[in-house]
N, C-alpha and C. Protein backbone atom coordinates (compact mmCIF):
# COMPACT_ATOMS: atom_id res chain seq x y z
N MET A 1 -13.03 -8.12 -13.18
CA MET A 1 -12.70 -7.40 -12.01
C MET A 1 -12.55 -8.37 -10.79
N ALA A 2 -11.88 -7.85 -9.75
CA ALA A 2 -11.61 -8.67 -8.57
C ALA A 2 -12.87 -8.94 -7.81
N ARG A 3 -12.92 -10.14 -7.23
CA ARG A 3 -14.01 -10.53 -6.37
C ARG A 3 -13.51 -10.67 -4.95
N VAL A 4 -14.14 -9.88 -4.01
CA VAL A 4 -13.68 -9.78 -2.64
C VAL A 4 -14.74 -10.25 -1.66
N ALA A 5 -14.38 -11.24 -0.89
CA ALA A 5 -15.24 -11.74 0.16
C ALA A 5 -14.85 -11.04 1.50
N LEU A 6 -15.83 -10.47 2.16
CA LEU A 6 -15.57 -9.75 3.40
C LEU A 6 -16.18 -10.63 4.54
N ILE A 7 -15.26 -11.17 5.43
CA ILE A 7 -15.70 -12.09 6.45
C ILE A 7 -15.84 -11.38 7.78
N GLN A 8 -16.92 -11.70 8.48
CA GLN A 8 -17.10 -11.19 9.83
C GLN A 8 -17.80 -12.19 10.68
N ASN A 9 -17.54 -12.15 11.99
CA ASN A 9 -18.22 -13.11 12.87
C ASN A 9 -19.08 -12.42 13.95
N ILE A 10 -19.34 -11.08 13.78
CA ILE A 10 -20.22 -10.40 14.62
C ILE A 10 -21.40 -9.92 13.79
N MET A 11 -22.62 -10.25 14.27
CA MET A 11 -23.76 -10.02 13.49
C MET A 11 -24.26 -8.54 13.64
N VAL A 12 -23.48 -7.68 12.99
CA VAL A 12 -23.80 -6.27 12.98
C VAL A 12 -23.19 -5.65 11.75
N GLU A 13 -23.80 -4.59 11.20
CA GLU A 13 -23.24 -3.95 10.00
C GLU A 13 -21.88 -3.31 10.39
N SER A 14 -20.90 -3.51 9.55
CA SER A 14 -19.58 -2.92 9.75
C SER A 14 -19.38 -1.72 8.83
N MET A 15 -19.28 -0.55 9.48
CA MET A 15 -19.11 0.65 8.67
C MET A 15 -17.88 0.59 7.80
N GLY A 16 -16.81 0.01 8.35
CA GLY A 16 -15.58 -0.10 7.60
C GLY A 16 -15.79 -0.93 6.32
N TYR A 17 -16.47 -2.07 6.50
CA TYR A 17 -16.76 -2.93 5.30
C TYR A 17 -17.65 -2.22 4.29
N MET A 18 -18.66 -1.45 4.82
CA MET A 18 -19.54 -0.75 3.93
C MET A 18 -18.79 0.26 3.11
N TYR A 19 -17.85 1.02 3.71
CA TYR A 19 -17.02 1.97 2.94
C TYR A 19 -16.08 1.24 1.99
N ILE A 20 -15.39 0.19 2.42
CA ILE A 20 -14.53 -0.53 1.55
C ILE A 20 -15.29 -1.11 0.34
N SER A 21 -16.46 -1.63 0.57
CA SER A 21 -17.26 -2.18 -0.49
C SER A 21 -17.72 -1.11 -1.49
N ALA A 22 -18.08 0.06 -0.97
CA ALA A 22 -18.48 1.19 -1.86
C ALA A 22 -17.35 1.61 -2.77
N VAL A 23 -16.15 1.72 -2.17
CA VAL A 23 -14.97 2.13 -2.94
C VAL A 23 -14.63 1.08 -4.02
N LEU A 24 -14.69 -0.21 -3.58
CA LEU A 24 -14.39 -1.29 -4.55
C LEU A 24 -15.39 -1.37 -5.66
N LYS A 25 -16.66 -1.28 -5.33
CA LYS A 25 -17.74 -1.35 -6.31
C LYS A 25 -17.66 -0.18 -7.33
N GLU A 26 -17.28 0.99 -6.78
CA GLU A 26 -17.14 2.18 -7.62
C GLU A 26 -16.04 1.94 -8.67
N ALA A 27 -15.05 1.15 -8.27
CA ALA A 27 -13.91 0.83 -9.16
C ALA A 27 -14.20 -0.39 -10.08
N GLY A 28 -15.40 -0.98 -9.94
CA GLY A 28 -15.82 -2.09 -10.81
C GLY A 28 -15.65 -3.46 -10.20
N HIS A 29 -15.18 -3.53 -8.96
CA HIS A 29 -14.95 -4.83 -8.35
C HIS A 29 -16.23 -5.37 -7.71
N GLN A 30 -16.30 -6.62 -7.39
CA GLN A 30 -17.44 -7.27 -6.78
C GLN A 30 -17.10 -7.60 -5.33
N THR A 31 -18.07 -7.29 -4.41
CA THR A 31 -17.90 -7.58 -3.01
C THR A 31 -19.09 -8.34 -2.51
N GLU A 32 -18.84 -9.15 -1.48
CA GLU A 32 -19.96 -9.79 -0.80
C GLU A 32 -19.52 -10.05 0.65
N VAL A 33 -20.39 -9.85 1.60
CA VAL A 33 -20.06 -10.10 3.01
C VAL A 33 -20.56 -11.46 3.35
N PHE A 34 -19.79 -12.14 4.21
CA PHE A 34 -20.12 -13.47 4.70
C PHE A 34 -20.04 -13.48 6.19
N TYR A 35 -21.13 -13.80 6.84
CA TYR A 35 -21.16 -13.91 8.34
C TYR A 35 -20.74 -15.37 8.64
N CYS A 36 -19.75 -15.52 9.53
CA CYS A 36 -19.33 -16.87 9.86
C CYS A 36 -18.94 -16.97 11.32
N ASP A 37 -19.60 -17.83 12.06
CA ASP A 37 -19.19 -18.16 13.43
C ASP A 37 -18.86 -19.62 13.51
N ASN A 38 -18.64 -20.09 14.70
CA ASN A 38 -18.17 -21.54 14.82
C ASN A 38 -19.24 -22.53 14.36
N PHE A 39 -20.50 -22.09 14.31
CA PHE A 39 -21.60 -23.00 13.90
C PHE A 39 -21.90 -22.94 12.40
N SER A 40 -21.38 -21.98 11.72
CA SER A 40 -21.76 -21.83 10.31
C SER A 40 -20.56 -21.96 9.36
N GLN A 41 -19.46 -22.52 9.81
CA GLN A 41 -18.25 -22.60 9.02
C GLN A 41 -18.49 -23.40 7.73
N LYS A 42 -19.12 -24.53 7.82
CA LYS A 42 -19.32 -25.39 6.69
C LYS A 42 -20.16 -24.67 5.58
N LYS A 43 -21.23 -24.01 6.03
CA LYS A 43 -22.08 -23.24 5.14
C LYS A 43 -21.26 -22.14 4.46
N THR A 44 -20.48 -21.40 5.29
CA THR A 44 -19.68 -20.31 4.77
C THR A 44 -18.71 -20.80 3.72
N LEU A 45 -18.02 -21.86 3.96
CA LEU A 45 -17.08 -22.47 3.05
C LEU A 45 -17.80 -22.82 1.70
N GLN A 46 -18.98 -23.36 1.76
CA GLN A 46 -19.75 -23.67 0.56
C GLN A 46 -20.08 -22.41 -0.21
N GLU A 47 -20.51 -21.37 0.50
CA GLU A 47 -20.87 -20.12 -0.10
C GLU A 47 -19.66 -19.43 -0.74
N LEU A 48 -18.55 -19.49 -0.07
CA LEU A 48 -17.28 -18.93 -0.59
C LEU A 48 -16.84 -19.66 -1.83
N SER A 49 -16.98 -20.98 -1.90
CA SER A 49 -16.63 -21.76 -3.05
C SER A 49 -17.44 -21.35 -4.25
N LYS A 50 -18.72 -21.08 -4.02
CA LYS A 50 -19.56 -20.59 -5.12
C LYS A 50 -19.17 -19.20 -5.57
N PHE A 51 -18.84 -18.36 -4.62
CA PHE A 51 -18.47 -16.92 -4.92
C PHE A 51 -17.18 -16.83 -5.66
N LYS A 52 -16.22 -17.74 -5.38
CA LYS A 52 -14.94 -17.78 -6.01
C LYS A 52 -14.10 -16.47 -5.85
N PRO A 53 -13.84 -16.08 -4.62
CA PRO A 53 -13.14 -14.81 -4.37
C PRO A 53 -11.66 -14.85 -4.80
N ASP A 54 -11.21 -13.67 -5.24
CA ASP A 54 -9.77 -13.50 -5.46
C ASP A 54 -9.06 -13.11 -4.18
N LEU A 55 -9.84 -12.55 -3.26
CA LEU A 55 -9.31 -12.07 -2.00
C LEU A 55 -10.35 -12.23 -0.90
N VAL A 56 -9.94 -12.71 0.26
CA VAL A 56 -10.83 -12.83 1.38
C VAL A 56 -10.28 -11.92 2.47
N SER A 57 -11.15 -11.04 2.93
CA SER A 57 -10.74 -10.04 3.92
C SER A 57 -11.40 -10.38 5.28
N PHE A 58 -10.60 -10.17 6.30
CA PHE A 58 -10.96 -10.36 7.68
C PHE A 58 -10.76 -9.09 8.47
N SER A 59 -11.82 -8.56 9.08
CA SER A 59 -11.76 -7.41 9.91
C SER A 59 -11.70 -7.88 11.37
N ILE A 60 -10.56 -7.76 12.02
CA ILE A 60 -10.33 -8.48 13.27
C ILE A 60 -10.33 -7.56 14.49
N LEU A 61 -11.15 -8.05 15.42
CA LEU A 61 -11.15 -7.46 16.79
C LEU A 61 -10.51 -8.55 17.69
N SER A 62 -9.86 -8.11 18.75
CA SER A 62 -9.07 -9.06 19.55
C SER A 62 -9.82 -10.30 20.05
N PRO A 63 -11.07 -10.22 20.48
CA PRO A 63 -11.72 -11.43 20.98
C PRO A 63 -11.94 -12.51 19.87
N SER A 64 -11.95 -12.10 18.64
CA SER A 64 -12.18 -13.06 17.51
C SER A 64 -10.91 -13.47 16.77
N ARG A 65 -9.80 -12.96 17.19
CA ARG A 65 -8.53 -13.25 16.45
C ARG A 65 -8.31 -14.75 16.24
N ASN A 66 -8.27 -15.53 17.26
CA ASN A 66 -7.92 -16.97 17.11
C ASN A 66 -8.92 -17.67 16.21
N ASP A 67 -10.21 -17.42 16.35
CA ASP A 67 -11.23 -18.07 15.51
C ASP A 67 -11.03 -17.66 14.06
N MET A 68 -10.72 -16.38 13.83
CA MET A 68 -10.60 -15.91 12.44
C MET A 68 -9.30 -16.41 11.81
N LEU A 69 -8.25 -16.51 12.58
CA LEU A 69 -7.01 -17.13 12.09
C LEU A 69 -7.22 -18.55 11.68
N GLU A 70 -7.94 -19.29 12.45
CA GLU A 70 -8.23 -20.70 12.15
C GLU A 70 -9.09 -20.78 10.91
N LEU A 71 -10.11 -19.93 10.81
CA LEU A 71 -11.01 -19.89 9.67
C LEU A 71 -10.20 -19.55 8.38
N ALA A 72 -9.35 -18.54 8.48
CA ALA A 72 -8.53 -18.19 7.30
C ALA A 72 -7.69 -19.33 6.82
N GLN A 73 -7.12 -20.07 7.71
CA GLN A 73 -6.29 -21.20 7.32
C GLN A 73 -7.16 -22.27 6.62
N THR A 74 -8.33 -22.52 7.15
CA THR A 74 -9.28 -23.47 6.57
C THR A 74 -9.67 -23.02 5.18
N ILE A 75 -9.99 -21.70 5.00
CA ILE A 75 -10.34 -21.15 3.72
C ILE A 75 -9.18 -21.36 2.72
N LYS A 76 -7.98 -20.99 3.13
CA LYS A 76 -6.81 -21.15 2.23
C LYS A 76 -6.65 -22.58 1.78
N GLN A 77 -6.87 -23.52 2.66
CA GLN A 77 -6.73 -24.91 2.34
C GLN A 77 -7.82 -25.40 1.41
N SER A 78 -9.03 -24.83 1.51
CA SER A 78 -10.12 -25.36 0.71
C SER A 78 -10.33 -24.62 -0.60
N ILE A 79 -10.09 -23.34 -0.65
CA ILE A 79 -10.31 -22.64 -1.93
C ILE A 79 -9.09 -21.87 -2.47
N GLN A 80 -7.95 -22.04 -1.89
CA GLN A 80 -6.72 -21.44 -2.38
C GLN A 80 -6.93 -20.00 -2.87
N THR A 81 -7.04 -19.11 -1.97
CA THR A 81 -7.17 -17.67 -2.31
C THR A 81 -6.33 -16.86 -1.39
N LEU A 82 -6.08 -15.61 -1.71
CA LEU A 82 -5.39 -14.68 -0.84
C LEU A 82 -6.24 -14.26 0.35
N THR A 83 -5.59 -14.04 1.47
CA THR A 83 -6.29 -13.55 2.64
C THR A 83 -5.59 -12.28 3.11
N ILE A 84 -6.39 -11.37 3.61
CA ILE A 84 -5.89 -10.12 4.16
C ILE A 84 -6.60 -9.82 5.46
N PHE A 85 -5.83 -9.39 6.46
CA PHE A 85 -6.36 -9.07 7.76
C PHE A 85 -6.21 -7.58 8.01
N GLY A 86 -7.18 -7.00 8.67
CA GLY A 86 -7.13 -5.58 9.00
C GLY A 86 -7.93 -5.33 10.24
N ASN A 87 -8.06 -4.06 10.62
CA ASN A 87 -8.77 -3.51 11.74
C ASN A 87 -7.77 -3.40 12.95
N ILE A 88 -8.29 -2.96 14.10
CA ILE A 88 -7.46 -2.55 15.21
C ILE A 88 -6.54 -3.64 15.73
N ASP A 89 -7.04 -4.89 15.83
CA ASP A 89 -6.21 -5.94 16.34
C ASP A 89 -5.01 -6.22 15.45
N THR A 90 -5.18 -6.10 14.15
CA THR A 90 -4.11 -6.34 13.20
C THR A 90 -3.09 -5.16 13.34
N ILE A 91 -3.62 -3.96 13.42
CA ILE A 91 -2.73 -2.80 13.53
C ILE A 91 -1.86 -2.95 14.80
N LEU A 92 -2.43 -3.41 15.87
CA LEU A 92 -1.68 -3.59 17.11
C LEU A 92 -0.80 -4.86 17.13
N ASN A 93 -1.14 -5.82 16.28
CA ASN A 93 -0.44 -7.13 16.25
C ASN A 93 -0.12 -7.51 14.81
N PRO A 94 0.68 -6.75 14.13
CA PRO A 94 0.90 -7.09 12.68
C PRO A 94 1.63 -8.40 12.48
N LYS A 95 2.31 -8.87 13.52
CA LYS A 95 3.02 -10.13 13.33
C LYS A 95 2.12 -11.36 13.14
N ILE A 96 0.80 -11.14 13.13
CA ILE A 96 -0.12 -12.25 12.82
C ILE A 96 0.11 -12.69 11.37
N ILE A 97 0.81 -11.86 10.58
CA ILE A 97 1.12 -12.24 9.21
C ILE A 97 1.95 -13.55 9.20
N ASN A 98 2.56 -13.89 10.24
CA ASN A 98 3.36 -15.11 10.32
C ASN A 98 2.49 -16.35 10.42
N HIS A 99 1.24 -16.18 10.68
CA HIS A 99 0.24 -17.34 10.75
C HIS A 99 0.07 -17.88 9.32
N PRO A 100 -0.02 -19.15 9.17
CA PRO A 100 -0.20 -19.74 7.80
C PRO A 100 -1.46 -19.34 7.10
N GLY A 101 -2.47 -18.87 7.79
CA GLY A 101 -3.69 -18.44 7.18
C GLY A 101 -3.70 -17.02 6.69
N VAL A 102 -2.66 -16.29 6.85
CA VAL A 102 -2.58 -14.82 6.53
C VAL A 102 -1.58 -14.54 5.51
N ASP A 103 -2.00 -13.89 4.39
CA ASP A 103 -1.05 -13.51 3.32
C ASP A 103 -0.66 -12.05 3.43
N LEU A 104 -1.56 -11.17 3.81
CA LEU A 104 -1.33 -9.73 3.87
C LEU A 104 -1.99 -9.17 5.14
N VAL A 105 -1.39 -8.10 5.65
CA VAL A 105 -2.04 -7.35 6.71
C VAL A 105 -2.05 -5.87 6.28
N CYS A 106 -3.23 -5.23 6.59
CA CYS A 106 -3.38 -3.84 6.28
C CYS A 106 -3.22 -3.06 7.63
N LEU A 107 -2.29 -2.17 7.64
CA LEU A 107 -1.99 -1.43 8.92
C LEU A 107 -2.43 -0.01 8.91
N CYS A 108 -3.43 0.33 8.06
CA CYS A 108 -3.98 1.63 7.96
C CYS A 108 -5.43 1.55 7.56
N GLU A 109 -6.02 2.65 7.20
CA GLU A 109 -7.39 2.64 6.69
C GLU A 109 -7.42 1.86 5.37
N GLY A 110 -8.37 0.99 5.20
CA GLY A 110 -8.32 0.03 4.12
C GLY A 110 -8.95 0.39 2.81
N GLU A 111 -9.71 1.46 2.77
CA GLU A 111 -10.46 1.74 1.53
C GLU A 111 -9.59 1.84 0.29
N TYR A 112 -8.58 2.71 0.28
CA TYR A 112 -7.81 2.89 -0.94
C TYR A 112 -6.72 1.84 -1.05
N VAL A 113 -6.26 1.28 0.04
CA VAL A 113 -5.32 0.15 -0.02
C VAL A 113 -5.99 -1.05 -0.73
N MET A 114 -7.19 -1.34 -0.35
CA MET A 114 -7.92 -2.46 -0.97
C MET A 114 -8.20 -2.15 -2.44
N LYS A 115 -8.54 -0.90 -2.77
CA LYS A 115 -8.78 -0.58 -4.14
C LYS A 115 -7.52 -0.78 -4.99
N GLU A 116 -6.39 -0.34 -4.48
CA GLU A 116 -5.16 -0.55 -5.23
C GLU A 116 -4.82 -2.03 -5.34
N LEU A 117 -4.96 -2.75 -4.22
CA LEU A 117 -4.69 -4.18 -4.25
C LEU A 117 -5.57 -4.92 -5.25
N CYS A 118 -6.84 -4.62 -5.19
CA CYS A 118 -7.77 -5.31 -6.19
C CYS A 118 -7.43 -4.94 -7.60
N GLY A 119 -7.10 -3.68 -7.85
CA GLY A 119 -6.65 -3.26 -9.21
C GLY A 119 -5.50 -4.04 -9.70
N ARG A 120 -4.52 -4.23 -8.83
CA ARG A 120 -3.30 -5.00 -9.22
C ARG A 120 -3.63 -6.47 -9.38
N LEU A 121 -4.46 -7.05 -8.50
CA LEU A 121 -4.84 -8.42 -8.65
C LEU A 121 -5.57 -8.64 -10.03
N ASP A 122 -6.45 -7.71 -10.32
CA ASP A 122 -7.21 -7.77 -11.52
C ASP A 122 -6.31 -7.76 -12.82
N LYS A 123 -5.25 -6.93 -12.70
CA LYS A 123 -4.27 -6.80 -13.83
C LYS A 123 -3.17 -7.82 -13.74
N LYS A 124 -3.18 -8.65 -12.69
CA LYS A 124 -2.10 -9.65 -12.45
C LYS A 124 -0.73 -8.94 -12.33
N GLU A 125 -0.75 -7.79 -11.67
CA GLU A 125 0.45 -7.02 -11.40
C GLU A 125 0.97 -7.34 -9.99
N PRO A 126 2.24 -7.15 -9.73
CA PRO A 126 2.76 -7.32 -8.36
C PRO A 126 2.06 -6.37 -7.40
N TYR A 127 1.85 -6.86 -6.19
CA TYR A 127 1.17 -6.00 -5.17
C TYR A 127 1.95 -5.91 -3.91
N HIS A 128 3.21 -6.42 -3.91
CA HIS A 128 3.96 -6.51 -2.67
C HIS A 128 4.48 -5.16 -2.15
N GLN A 129 4.35 -4.06 -2.97
CA GLN A 129 4.90 -2.77 -2.51
C GLN A 129 3.81 -1.73 -2.27
N ILE A 130 2.61 -2.14 -1.94
CA ILE A 130 1.54 -1.15 -1.73
C ILE A 130 1.69 -0.59 -0.32
N GLU A 131 1.66 0.70 -0.22
CA GLU A 131 1.84 1.41 1.11
C GLU A 131 0.72 0.97 2.01
N GLY A 132 1.08 0.72 3.29
CA GLY A 132 0.14 0.36 4.33
C GLY A 132 -0.04 -1.15 4.51
N LEU A 133 0.60 -1.94 3.62
CA LEU A 133 0.50 -3.40 3.66
C LEU A 133 1.79 -4.01 4.07
N TRP A 134 1.70 -5.13 4.82
CA TRP A 134 2.76 -6.09 4.95
C TRP A 134 2.35 -7.29 4.15
N VAL A 135 3.24 -7.85 3.37
CA VAL A 135 2.91 -8.85 2.40
C VAL A 135 3.92 -10.03 2.52
N LYS A 136 3.37 -11.29 2.59
CA LYS A 136 4.24 -12.45 2.55
C LYS A 136 4.75 -12.59 1.11
N THR A 137 6.05 -12.78 0.96
CA THR A 137 6.65 -13.05 -0.35
C THR A 137 7.54 -14.29 -0.20
N GLY A 138 8.08 -14.74 -1.28
CA GLY A 138 9.02 -15.89 -1.27
C GLY A 138 10.28 -15.55 -0.53
N GLN A 139 10.55 -14.26 -0.36
CA GLN A 139 11.79 -13.79 0.33
C GLN A 139 11.52 -13.37 1.78
N GLY A 140 10.28 -13.55 2.25
CA GLY A 140 9.97 -13.10 3.60
C GLY A 140 8.82 -12.13 3.64
N ILE A 141 8.76 -11.32 4.65
CA ILE A 141 7.70 -10.29 4.81
C ILE A 141 8.16 -8.97 4.28
N GLN A 142 7.44 -8.47 3.33
CA GLN A 142 7.65 -7.12 2.76
C GLN A 142 6.88 -6.14 3.62
N LYS A 143 7.57 -5.28 4.37
CA LYS A 143 6.94 -4.31 5.27
C LYS A 143 6.98 -2.98 4.63
N ASN A 144 5.88 -2.55 4.07
CA ASN A 144 5.80 -1.26 3.29
C ASN A 144 5.49 -0.10 4.25
N PRO A 145 5.93 1.06 3.87
CA PRO A 145 5.69 2.25 4.69
C PRO A 145 4.19 2.58 4.70
N MET A 146 3.82 3.40 5.66
CA MET A 146 2.43 3.85 5.78
C MET A 146 2.15 4.96 4.72
N PRO A 147 0.90 5.07 4.30
CA PRO A 147 0.58 6.20 3.38
C PRO A 147 0.83 7.52 4.13
N GLU A 148 1.12 8.53 3.35
CA GLU A 148 1.46 9.85 4.00
C GLU A 148 0.22 10.54 4.55
N SER A 149 -0.98 10.22 4.10
CA SER A 149 -2.14 10.94 4.62
C SER A 149 -3.25 9.95 4.94
N LEU A 150 -4.20 10.37 5.78
CA LEU A 150 -5.37 9.58 6.10
C LEU A 150 -6.39 9.68 4.97
N VAL A 151 -7.35 8.77 5.00
CA VAL A 151 -8.46 8.80 4.02
C VAL A 151 -9.38 9.98 4.37
N ASN A 152 -9.68 10.75 3.38
CA ASN A 152 -10.67 11.87 3.57
C ASN A 152 -12.07 11.32 3.45
N LEU A 153 -12.78 11.18 4.53
CA LEU A 153 -14.09 10.55 4.51
C LEU A 153 -15.06 11.30 3.57
N ASP A 154 -14.87 12.61 3.42
CA ASP A 154 -15.75 13.38 2.60
C ASP A 154 -15.59 13.02 1.13
N GLN A 155 -14.49 12.40 0.78
CA GLN A 155 -14.26 12.06 -0.65
C GLN A 155 -14.68 10.58 -0.97
N LEU A 156 -15.07 9.84 0.05
CA LEU A 156 -15.52 8.48 -0.18
C LEU A 156 -16.94 8.41 -0.71
N PRO A 157 -17.27 7.40 -1.52
CA PRO A 157 -18.68 7.27 -1.93
C PRO A 157 -19.51 6.90 -0.72
N PHE A 158 -20.81 7.07 -0.82
CA PHE A 158 -21.71 6.72 0.28
C PHE A 158 -21.51 5.29 0.58
N HIS A 159 -21.50 4.92 1.82
CA HIS A 159 -21.25 3.55 2.24
C HIS A 159 -22.37 2.59 1.67
N ASP A 160 -21.90 1.37 1.38
CA ASP A 160 -22.68 0.35 0.69
C ASP A 160 -23.57 -0.43 1.68
N ARG A 161 -24.72 0.11 2.04
CA ARG A 161 -25.65 -0.56 2.98
C ARG A 161 -26.25 -1.79 2.34
N LYS A 162 -26.36 -1.88 1.01
CA LYS A 162 -26.93 -3.04 0.39
C LYS A 162 -26.08 -4.30 0.60
N LEU A 163 -24.87 -4.13 1.03
CA LEU A 163 -24.00 -5.25 1.31
C LEU A 163 -24.64 -6.26 2.27
N TYR A 164 -25.42 -5.70 3.17
CA TYR A 164 -26.04 -6.54 4.25
C TYR A 164 -27.48 -7.00 3.98
N ASP A 165 -27.99 -6.66 2.80
CA ASP A 165 -29.47 -6.99 2.53
C ASP A 165 -29.76 -8.46 2.62
N LYS A 166 -28.81 -9.33 2.43
CA LYS A 166 -29.08 -10.74 2.40
C LYS A 166 -29.27 -11.30 3.86
N TYR A 167 -28.96 -10.50 4.91
CA TYR A 167 -29.08 -10.92 6.26
C TYR A 167 -30.27 -10.27 6.94
N ALA A 168 -31.04 -10.99 7.65
CA ALA A 168 -32.22 -10.46 8.37
C ALA A 168 -31.90 -9.45 9.44
N PHE A 169 -30.66 -9.58 10.05
CA PHE A 169 -30.35 -8.65 11.17
C PHE A 169 -30.23 -7.24 10.68
């Protein structure tokens, strides 16, 4: 199953990541959150190398955009993995996909998009036509339409609070 690293640079539990993790784990995938700021980059890169992710996810808020873009590029250079950006800053600025550290951007709620993406990665199937994603391809940027409906929160599994157990905060 797919291994997904969830990167954040704010030391607080992310409800979005907890829901995404719950959906992915329910589908049999493995997730782990990594806290990384400017002082812990080396440690995070070492931890990521040990985890060996198939996909590294970045939940971006505007103040952290530049730092996270730089980190994504460093990660891609050191462990050669796919990167995906999401959250409000990405939705408002999808052209960040042009940055060399970004492979995909999610422009909608990520729970089921990530589940479909990880399922396709696991089966080594093409993923460039998943609704809600823009994807870098050899032919340019594939801009897929948005899903027709929003995620029904009542149908999601309970959020994965254990995701953050490794951190004292």
